[in-house]
Amino acid sequence: MSGDIWATLQQAWTDILALLAKVLSPDWNALILLLPLLVAPVVLLYLAASGGAWTLFGITKPRPRVTWEAGPRALERDTQGALISPVGFPFSLRMGLVYPSGTIRSDDGEDLAVVCPMCRVERPAQIPTCGSCGLVLGVRQGMTVARPAGPPAGGASIA
């Protein structure tokens, strides 16, 4: 009977030592094979989070409001109130209007003028090529970016 207890204690002690041997000196080959299974979820989580963040930024980033030009608009004026000739757009100083790109005559039949964006020489809008620098203006439809009335809500303009 005492031999059975002694054998049982010896077997329990052997099992404890075998368990400690596995914990303290593991099978490194088996653990190295498990390493991709431990690292892959972390890498996938990082890629999903960063890709999700870029996607969210792409969806929510502020964009300028763009409107297509439908008709003539008033010419801008300088501080003294004189009309400013726009660069690259047909205009009429007599009527004080800027017309969409590609327009060569006003509504009442007046020939429009255009200022070359490259050399700043004024010429008739019917001539597509600048006689001074050779630039060809071939824009058919223009767009205007809406200017904000002031700084964004909650912010201030840069001084």
N, C-alpha and C. Protein backbone atom coordinates (compact mmCIF):
# COMPACT_ATOMS: atom_id res chain seq x y z
N MET A 1 0.82 -1.18 0.00
CA MET A 1 0.00 0.00 0.00
C MET A 1 0.88 1.25 0.00
N SER A 2 1.91 1.29 0.84
CA SER A 2 2.77 2.45 0.86
C SER A 2 3.54 2.57 -0.45
N GLY A 3 3.77 1.43 -1.13
CA GLY A 3 4.44 1.46 -2.43
C GLY A 3 3.58 2.14 -3.48
N ASP A 4 2.25 1.94 -3.36
CA ASP A 4 1.35 2.57 -4.34
C ASP A 4 1.32 4.08 -4.14
N ILE A 5 1.34 4.54 -2.88
CA ILE A 5 1.32 5.98 -2.62
C ILE A 5 2.62 6.60 -3.11
N TRP A 6 3.71 5.87 -2.80
CA TRP A 6 5.01 6.36 -3.22
C TRP A 6 5.10 6.44 -4.75
N ALA A 7 4.62 5.47 -5.46
CA ALA A 7 4.62 5.44 -6.92
C ALA A 7 3.72 6.54 -7.48
N THR A 8 2.58 6.79 -6.81
CA THR A 8 1.67 7.85 -7.24
C THR A 8 2.31 9.22 -7.06
N LEU A 9 2.97 9.44 -5.91
CA LEU A 9 3.65 10.71 -5.68
C LEU A 9 4.80 10.92 -6.68
N GLN A 10 5.52 9.83 -6.94
CA GLN A 10 6.60 9.92 -7.91
C GLN A 10 6.06 10.25 -9.30
N GLN A 11 4.97 9.65 -9.66
CA GLN A 11 4.35 9.92 -10.98
C GLN A 11 3.85 11.36 -11.05
N ALA A 12 3.24 11.86 -9.95
CA ALA A 12 2.75 13.25 -9.92
C ALA A 12 3.94 14.21 -10.04
N TRP A 13 5.03 13.91 -9.29
CA TRP A 13 6.21 14.77 -9.36
C TRP A 13 6.82 14.76 -10.77
N THR A 14 6.83 13.63 -11.41
CA THR A 14 7.34 13.51 -12.78
C THR A 14 6.47 14.31 -13.74
N ASP A 15 5.16 14.26 -13.55
CA ASP A 15 4.24 15.04 -14.41
C ASP A 15 4.44 16.54 -14.21
N ILE A 16 4.64 16.96 -12.94
CA ILE A 16 4.88 18.39 -12.66
C ILE A 16 6.19 18.83 -13.32
N LEU A 17 7.24 18.04 -13.20
CA LEU A 17 8.51 18.38 -13.82
C LEU A 17 8.41 18.42 -15.35
N ALA A 18 7.64 17.51 -15.93
CA ALA A 18 7.45 17.50 -17.39
C ALA A 18 6.70 18.75 -17.84
N LEU A 19 5.70 19.16 -17.05
CA LEU A 19 4.96 20.38 -17.37
C LEU A 19 5.86 21.61 -17.27
N LEU A 20 6.65 21.67 -16.19
CA LEU A 20 7.59 22.79 -16.03
C LEU A 20 8.63 22.80 -17.14
N ALA A 21 9.06 21.67 -17.59
CA ALA A 21 10.04 21.60 -18.67
C ALA A 21 9.45 22.15 -19.97
N LYS A 22 8.19 21.88 -20.21
CA LYS A 22 7.54 22.41 -21.42
C LYS A 22 7.37 23.92 -21.34
N VAL A 23 7.09 24.45 -20.14
CA VAL A 23 6.88 25.89 -19.97
C VAL A 23 8.21 26.63 -19.98
N LEU A 24 9.20 26.10 -19.25
CA LEU A 24 10.47 26.81 -19.11
C LEU A 24 11.38 26.64 -20.33
N SER A 25 11.35 25.54 -20.97
CA SER A 25 12.15 25.35 -22.18
C SER A 25 11.24 24.76 -23.26
N PRO A 26 10.48 25.66 -23.95
CA PRO A 26 9.50 25.16 -24.92
C PRO A 26 10.17 24.66 -26.20
N ASP A 27 9.36 24.08 -27.03
CA ASP A 27 9.80 23.62 -28.35
C ASP A 27 9.80 24.84 -29.27
N TRP A 28 10.99 25.44 -29.46
CA TRP A 28 11.10 26.69 -30.20
C TRP A 28 10.69 26.53 -31.66
N ASN A 29 10.92 25.41 -32.25
CA ASN A 29 10.51 25.21 -33.65
C ASN A 29 9.00 25.32 -33.80
N ALA A 30 8.28 24.76 -32.86
CA ALA A 30 6.82 24.83 -32.92
C ALA A 30 6.34 26.27 -32.68
N LEU A 31 7.01 27.00 -31.77
CA LEU A 31 6.62 28.39 -31.52
C LEU A 31 6.93 29.30 -32.70
N ILE A 32 8.05 29.08 -33.36
CA ILE A 32 8.38 29.88 -34.54
C ILE A 32 7.36 29.64 -35.65
N LEU A 33 6.88 28.41 -35.76
CA LEU A 33 5.84 28.13 -36.76
C LEU A 33 4.53 28.82 -36.42
N LEU A 34 4.27 29.10 -35.13
CA LEU A 34 3.05 29.79 -34.71
C LEU A 34 3.17 31.31 -34.82
N LEU A 35 4.37 31.84 -35.00
CA LEU A 35 4.60 33.28 -35.04
C LEU A 35 3.77 33.99 -36.11
N PRO A 36 3.67 33.50 -37.35
CA PRO A 36 2.81 34.19 -38.33
C PRO A 36 1.35 34.24 -37.91
N LEU A 37 0.89 33.24 -37.18
CA LEU A 37 -0.49 33.25 -36.72
C LEU A 37 -0.72 34.32 -35.65
N LEU A 38 0.33 34.69 -34.93
CA LEU A 38 0.21 35.72 -33.91
C LEU A 38 0.39 37.12 -34.51
N VAL A 39 1.25 37.26 -35.52
CA VAL A 39 1.57 38.57 -36.10
C VAL A 39 0.54 38.97 -37.16
N ALA A 40 0.03 38.03 -37.91
CA ALA A 40 -0.89 38.34 -39.02
C ALA A 40 -2.13 39.11 -38.56
N PRO A 41 -2.80 38.77 -37.48
CA PRO A 41 -3.96 39.57 -37.07
C PRO A 41 -3.60 41.01 -36.72
N VAL A 42 -2.44 41.22 -36.12
CA VAL A 42 -2.02 42.58 -35.78
C VAL A 42 -1.78 43.40 -37.05
N VAL A 43 -1.11 42.80 -38.02
CA VAL A 43 -0.84 43.50 -39.28
C VAL A 43 -2.15 43.78 -40.02
N LEU A 44 -3.03 42.82 -40.08
CA LEU A 44 -4.32 43.02 -40.75
C LEU A 44 -5.15 44.09 -40.04
N LEU A 45 -5.12 44.11 -38.73
CA LEU A 45 -5.85 45.13 -37.98
C LEU A 45 -5.28 46.51 -38.28
N TYR A 46 -3.95 46.62 -38.34
CA TYR A 46 -3.31 47.90 -38.67
C TYR A 46 -3.70 48.36 -40.08
N LEU A 47 -3.63 47.45 -41.04
CA LEU A 47 -3.99 47.82 -42.42
C LEU A 47 -5.45 48.22 -42.53
N ALA A 48 -6.32 47.51 -41.85
CA ALA A 48 -7.74 47.86 -41.89
C ALA A 48 -7.99 49.21 -41.24
N ALA A 49 -7.33 49.48 -40.13
CA ALA A 49 -7.53 50.76 -39.45
C ALA A 49 -6.98 51.91 -40.27
N SER A 50 -5.78 51.77 -40.82
CA SER A 50 -5.21 52.87 -41.59
C SER A 50 -5.96 53.06 -42.90
N GLY A 51 -6.31 51.97 -43.56
CA GLY A 51 -7.09 52.09 -44.79
C GLY A 51 -8.46 52.68 -44.53
N GLY A 52 -9.06 52.30 -43.42
CA GLY A 52 -10.35 52.87 -43.05
C GLY A 52 -10.25 54.35 -42.74
N ALA A 53 -9.13 54.73 -42.10
CA ALA A 53 -8.95 56.15 -41.78
C ALA A 53 -8.77 56.97 -43.05
N TRP A 54 -7.99 56.45 -44.01
CA TRP A 54 -7.81 57.18 -45.28
C TRP A 54 -9.12 57.24 -46.06
N THR A 55 -9.88 56.17 -46.04
CA THR A 55 -11.17 56.17 -46.72
C THR A 55 -12.12 57.18 -46.08
N LEU A 56 -12.15 57.21 -44.76
CA LEU A 56 -12.99 58.17 -44.06
C LEU A 56 -12.56 59.60 -44.36
N PHE A 57 -11.25 59.85 -44.40
CA PHE A 57 -10.76 61.18 -44.74
C PHE A 57 -11.15 61.54 -46.17
N GLY A 58 -11.02 60.60 -47.10
CA GLY A 58 -11.37 60.87 -48.49
C GLY A 58 -12.84 61.20 -48.66
N ILE A 59 -13.68 60.61 -47.84
CA ILE A 59 -15.12 60.87 -47.94
C ILE A 59 -15.49 62.21 -47.30
N THR A 60 -14.85 62.53 -46.17
CA THR A 60 -15.28 63.70 -45.40
C THR A 60 -14.44 64.95 -45.60
N LYS A 61 -13.37 64.91 -46.42
CA LYS A 61 -12.53 66.10 -46.55
C LYS A 61 -13.29 67.24 -47.21
N PRO A 62 -12.99 68.47 -46.84
CA PRO A 62 -13.70 69.61 -47.44
C PRO A 62 -13.30 69.80 -48.89
N ARG A 63 -14.28 70.08 -49.71
CA ARG A 63 -14.04 70.30 -51.14
C ARG A 63 -14.61 71.65 -51.54
N PRO A 64 -13.98 72.29 -52.52
CA PRO A 64 -14.52 73.59 -52.97
C PRO A 64 -15.82 73.39 -53.73
N ARG A 65 -16.64 74.38 -53.64
CA ARG A 65 -17.90 74.34 -54.40
C ARG A 65 -17.62 74.86 -55.80
N VAL A 66 -17.94 74.04 -56.78
CA VAL A 66 -17.69 74.40 -58.17
C VAL A 66 -19.02 74.55 -58.88
N THR A 67 -19.17 75.66 -59.58
CA THR A 67 -20.38 75.89 -60.36
C THR A 67 -19.97 76.14 -61.80
N TRP A 68 -20.74 75.62 -62.73
CA TRP A 68 -20.48 75.85 -64.14
C TRP A 68 -21.04 77.22 -64.51
N GLU A 69 -20.27 77.93 -65.31
CA GLU A 69 -20.70 79.26 -65.72
C GLU A 69 -21.88 79.15 -66.67
N ALA A 70 -22.93 79.85 -66.35
CA ALA A 70 -24.13 79.79 -67.18
C ALA A 70 -24.24 81.01 -68.09
N GLY A 71 -23.78 82.13 -67.66
CA GLY A 71 -23.91 83.34 -68.45
C GLY A 71 -22.93 84.39 -68.01
N PRO A 72 -23.08 85.59 -68.50
CA PRO A 72 -22.13 86.65 -68.14
C PRO A 72 -22.28 87.05 -66.67
N ARG A 73 -21.17 87.55 -66.12
CA ARG A 73 -21.17 88.06 -64.75
C ARG A 73 -20.49 89.43 -64.77
N ALA A 74 -20.67 90.18 -63.72
CA ALA A 74 -20.12 91.54 -63.66
C ALA A 74 -18.60 91.51 -63.51
N LEU A 75 -17.94 92.48 -64.13
CA LEU A 75 -16.49 92.63 -63.98
C LEU A 75 -16.14 93.08 -62.57
N GLU A 76 -14.98 92.66 -62.10
CA GLU A 76 -14.52 93.10 -60.78
C GLU A 76 -13.98 94.52 -60.90
N ARG A 77 -13.96 95.21 -59.77
CA ARG A 77 -13.48 96.59 -59.74
C ARG A 77 -12.33 96.70 -58.75
N ASP A 78 -11.41 97.66 -59.03
CA ASP A 78 -10.31 97.89 -58.10
C ASP A 78 -10.76 98.84 -57.00
N THR A 79 -9.83 99.29 -56.16
CA THR A 79 -10.19 100.13 -55.01
C THR A 79 -10.75 101.49 -55.41
N GLN A 80 -10.37 102.01 -56.60
CA GLN A 80 -10.91 103.29 -57.07
C GLN A 80 -12.22 103.12 -57.83
N GLY A 81 -12.64 101.88 -58.06
CA GLY A 81 -13.90 101.63 -58.75
C GLY A 81 -13.74 101.40 -60.25
N ALA A 82 -12.51 101.38 -60.75
CA ALA A 82 -12.28 101.13 -62.17
C ALA A 82 -12.44 99.63 -62.46
N LEU A 83 -12.94 99.32 -63.67
CA LEU A 83 -13.12 97.93 -64.06
C LEU A 83 -11.77 97.26 -64.28
N ILE A 84 -11.66 96.01 -63.83
CA ILE A 84 -10.43 95.22 -64.01
C ILE A 84 -10.68 94.22 -65.14
N SER A 85 -9.84 94.23 -66.16
CA SER A 85 -9.97 93.28 -67.28
C SER A 85 -9.54 91.90 -66.81
N PRO A 86 -10.41 90.90 -66.96
CA PRO A 86 -10.04 89.55 -66.53
C PRO A 86 -9.03 88.93 -67.50
N VAL A 87 -8.20 88.05 -67.01
CA VAL A 87 -7.19 87.40 -67.83
C VAL A 87 -7.73 86.06 -68.31
N GLY A 88 -7.74 85.85 -69.62
CA GLY A 88 -8.14 84.57 -70.20
C GLY A 88 -9.63 84.41 -70.43
N PHE A 89 -10.45 85.39 -70.10
CA PHE A 89 -11.89 85.31 -70.31
C PHE A 89 -12.34 86.44 -71.22
N PRO A 90 -13.30 86.19 -72.11
CA PRO A 90 -13.83 87.26 -72.94
C PRO A 90 -14.62 88.26 -72.09
N PHE A 91 -14.49 89.54 -72.42
CA PHE A 91 -15.17 90.56 -71.62
C PHE A 91 -15.55 91.73 -72.50
N SER A 92 -16.46 92.53 -71.95
CA SER A 92 -16.90 93.77 -72.59
C SER A 92 -16.78 94.87 -71.54
N LEU A 93 -15.87 95.84 -71.79
CA LEU A 93 -15.73 96.96 -70.86
C LEU A 93 -16.93 97.89 -70.94
N ARG A 94 -17.52 98.01 -72.15
CA ARG A 94 -18.68 98.90 -72.33
C ARG A 94 -19.85 98.43 -71.47
N MET A 95 -20.09 97.11 -71.44
CA MET A 95 -21.21 96.58 -70.66
C MET A 95 -20.78 96.19 -69.24
N GLY A 96 -19.48 96.04 -69.01
CA GLY A 96 -18.99 95.68 -67.68
C GLY A 96 -19.25 94.23 -67.32
N LEU A 97 -19.16 93.34 -68.32
CA LEU A 97 -19.47 91.94 -68.09
C LEU A 97 -18.33 91.04 -68.54
N VAL A 98 -18.19 89.91 -67.85
CA VAL A 98 -17.27 88.84 -68.24
C VAL A 98 -18.13 87.69 -68.74
N TYR A 99 -17.76 87.14 -69.89
CA TYR A 99 -18.54 86.06 -70.50
C TYR A 99 -17.82 84.73 -70.32
N PRO A 100 -18.55 83.61 -70.43
CA PRO A 100 -17.91 82.29 -70.32
C PRO A 100 -16.89 82.08 -71.45
N SER A 101 -15.92 81.22 -71.20
CA SER A 101 -14.88 80.94 -72.20
C SER A 101 -15.52 80.43 -73.48
N GLY A 102 -14.96 80.85 -74.59
CA GLY A 102 -15.45 80.43 -75.90
C GLY A 102 -16.45 81.40 -76.51
N THR A 103 -16.96 82.36 -75.75
CA THR A 103 -17.91 83.36 -76.26
C THR A 103 -17.12 84.41 -77.03
N ILE A 104 -17.60 84.76 -78.26
CA ILE A 104 -16.88 85.76 -79.05
C ILE A 104 -17.69 87.04 -79.24
N ARG A 105 -19.01 86.98 -79.04
CA ARG A 105 -19.85 88.17 -79.16
C ARG A 105 -20.81 88.25 -77.99
N SER A 106 -21.12 89.46 -77.59
CA SER A 106 -22.08 89.65 -76.50
C SER A 106 -23.49 89.42 -77.02
N ASP A 107 -24.45 89.52 -76.12
CA ASP A 107 -25.85 89.29 -76.50
C ASP A 107 -26.35 90.32 -77.51
N ASP A 108 -25.81 91.53 -77.46
CA ASP A 108 -26.26 92.57 -78.41
C ASP A 108 -25.37 92.64 -79.65
N GLY A 109 -24.44 91.67 -79.83
CA GLY A 109 -23.64 91.60 -81.05
C GLY A 109 -22.29 92.28 -80.98
N GLU A 110 -21.93 92.83 -79.83
CA GLU A 110 -20.63 93.50 -79.69
C GLU A 110 -19.50 92.46 -79.68
N ASP A 111 -18.41 92.75 -80.42
CA ASP A 111 -17.24 91.87 -80.40
C ASP A 111 -16.55 91.99 -79.04
N LEU A 112 -16.23 90.83 -78.44
CA LEU A 112 -15.61 90.81 -77.12
C LEU A 112 -14.09 90.80 -77.24
N ALA A 113 -13.42 91.17 -76.17
CA ALA A 113 -11.96 91.16 -76.10
C ALA A 113 -11.53 90.13 -75.07
N VAL A 114 -10.26 89.71 -75.14
CA VAL A 114 -9.70 88.77 -74.18
C VAL A 114 -8.25 89.19 -73.93
N VAL A 115 -7.80 89.03 -72.68
CA VAL A 115 -6.41 89.32 -72.32
C VAL A 115 -5.68 87.99 -72.25
N CYS A 116 -4.55 87.91 -72.97
CA CYS A 116 -3.76 86.68 -73.02
C CYS A 116 -3.19 86.39 -71.62
N PRO A 117 -3.38 85.16 -71.10
CA PRO A 117 -2.87 84.84 -69.77
C PRO A 117 -1.34 84.78 -69.71
N MET A 118 -0.68 84.61 -70.85
CA MET A 118 0.77 84.48 -70.84
C MET A 118 1.48 85.83 -70.95
N CYS A 119 1.09 86.63 -71.94
CA CYS A 119 1.82 87.88 -72.17
C CYS A 119 1.02 89.13 -71.80
N ARG A 120 -0.23 88.97 -71.41
CA ARG A 120 -1.10 90.06 -70.95
C ARG A 120 -1.42 91.08 -72.05
N VAL A 121 -1.43 90.65 -73.31
CA VAL A 121 -1.80 91.53 -74.42
C VAL A 121 -3.28 91.32 -74.71
N GLU A 122 -4.01 92.43 -74.86
CA GLU A 122 -5.43 92.35 -75.16
C GLU A 122 -5.62 92.16 -76.65
N ARG A 123 -6.56 91.29 -77.04
CA ARG A 123 -6.85 91.03 -78.45
C ARG A 123 -8.33 90.70 -78.59
N PRO A 124 -8.87 90.69 -79.82
CA PRO A 124 -10.27 90.30 -80.02
C PRO A 124 -10.47 88.82 -79.69
N ALA A 125 -11.63 88.50 -79.16
CA ALA A 125 -11.93 87.13 -78.75
C ALA A 125 -12.13 86.20 -79.95
N GLN A 126 -12.37 86.75 -81.16
CA GLN A 126 -12.55 85.90 -82.34
C GLN A 126 -11.24 85.23 -82.75
N ILE A 127 -10.12 85.83 -82.40
CA ILE A 127 -8.82 85.28 -82.79
C ILE A 127 -8.39 84.29 -81.70
N PRO A 128 -8.31 82.99 -82.02
CA PRO A 128 -8.01 81.99 -80.99
C PRO A 128 -6.55 81.99 -80.55
N THR A 129 -5.64 82.52 -81.37
CA THR A 129 -4.21 82.48 -81.06
C THR A 129 -3.70 83.88 -80.78
N CYS A 130 -2.91 84.04 -79.73
CA CYS A 130 -2.34 85.34 -79.39
C CYS A 130 -1.29 85.70 -80.44
N GLY A 131 -1.37 86.93 -80.99
CA GLY A 131 -0.42 87.37 -82.00
C GLY A 131 0.93 87.71 -81.40
N SER A 132 1.03 87.88 -80.11
CA SER A 132 2.28 88.26 -79.47
C SER A 132 3.10 87.03 -79.03
N CYS A 133 2.47 86.09 -78.34
CA CYS A 133 3.22 84.94 -77.81
C CYS A 133 2.84 83.62 -78.45
N GLY A 134 1.72 83.54 -79.18
CA GLY A 134 1.32 82.32 -79.86
C GLY A 134 0.49 81.37 -79.02
N LEU A 135 0.06 81.78 -77.83
CA LEU A 135 -0.75 80.93 -76.97
C LEU A 135 -2.14 80.73 -77.58
N VAL A 136 -2.62 79.49 -77.59
CA VAL A 136 -3.94 79.18 -78.12
C VAL A 136 -4.89 78.96 -76.95
N LEU A 137 -5.96 79.76 -76.90
CA LEU A 137 -6.99 79.57 -75.88
C LEU A 137 -8.08 78.72 -76.49
N GLY A 138 -8.17 77.47 -76.06
CA GLY A 138 -9.16 76.56 -76.63
C GLY A 138 -10.16 76.07 -75.61
N VAL A 139 -10.38 76.78 -74.52
CA VAL A 139 -11.32 76.38 -73.49
C VAL A 139 -12.73 76.61 -74.01
N ARG A 140 -13.58 75.62 -73.89
CA ARG A 140 -14.95 75.75 -74.40
C ARG A 140 -15.94 76.09 -73.29
N GLN A 141 -15.75 75.51 -72.12
CA GLN A 141 -16.67 75.78 -71.02
C GLN A 141 -15.85 75.96 -69.76
N GLY A 142 -16.09 77.04 -69.07
CA GLY A 142 -15.33 77.32 -67.85
C GLY A 142 -16.13 76.99 -66.61
N MET A 143 -15.42 76.97 -65.50
CA MET A 143 -16.08 76.78 -64.22
C MET A 143 -15.54 77.81 -63.25
N THR A 144 -16.34 78.10 -62.27
CA THR A 144 -15.97 79.08 -61.27
C THR A 144 -15.98 78.39 -59.91
N VAL A 145 -14.94 78.62 -59.14
CA VAL A 145 -14.89 78.09 -57.78
C VAL A 145 -15.50 79.13 -56.88
N ALA A 146 -16.53 78.73 -56.12
CA ALA A 146 -17.23 79.66 -55.24
C ALA A 146 -16.29 80.12 -54.12
N ARG A 147 -16.24 81.40 -53.90
CA ARG A 147 -15.41 81.95 -52.83
C ARG A 147 -16.23 81.99 -51.54
N PRO A 148 -15.61 81.56 -50.44
CA PRO A 148 -16.35 81.61 -49.17
C PRO A 148 -16.55 83.06 -48.73
N ALA A 149 -17.62 83.30 -47.99
CA ALA A 149 -17.92 84.64 -47.51
C ALA A 149 -16.97 85.07 -46.41
N GLY A 150 -16.39 84.13 -45.71
CA GLY A 150 -15.48 84.47 -44.62
C GLY A 150 -14.72 83.23 -44.20
N PRO A 151 -14.11 83.27 -43.02
CA PRO A 151 -13.37 82.10 -42.55
C PRO A 151 -14.33 80.97 -42.22
N PRO A 152 -13.82 79.72 -42.15
CA PRO A 152 -14.69 78.60 -41.82
C PRO A 152 -15.26 78.74 -40.41
N ALA A 153 -16.39 78.12 -40.20
CA ALA A 153 -17.05 78.19 -38.89
C ALA A 153 -16.12 77.64 -37.82
N GLY A 154 -16.00 78.38 -36.74
CA GLY A 154 -15.17 77.95 -35.64
C GLY A 154 -13.70 78.26 -35.82
N GLY A 155 -13.33 78.89 -36.93
CA GLY A 155 -11.93 79.19 -37.18
C GLY A 155 -11.76 80.65 -37.52
N ALA A 156 -10.56 81.05 -37.67
CA ALA A 156 -10.25 82.42 -38.02
C ALA A 156 -9.34 82.42 -39.24
N SER A 157 -9.35 83.50 -39.96
CA SER A 157 -8.50 83.59 -41.14
C SER A 157 -7.05 83.79 -40.70
N ILE A 158 -6.15 83.38 -41.57
CA ILE A 158 -4.73 83.54 -41.28
C ILE A 158 -4.33 84.97 -41.55
N ALA A 159 -3.73 85.62 -40.58
CA ALA A 159 -3.37 87.03 -40.74
C ALA A 159 -1.94 87.18 -41.19
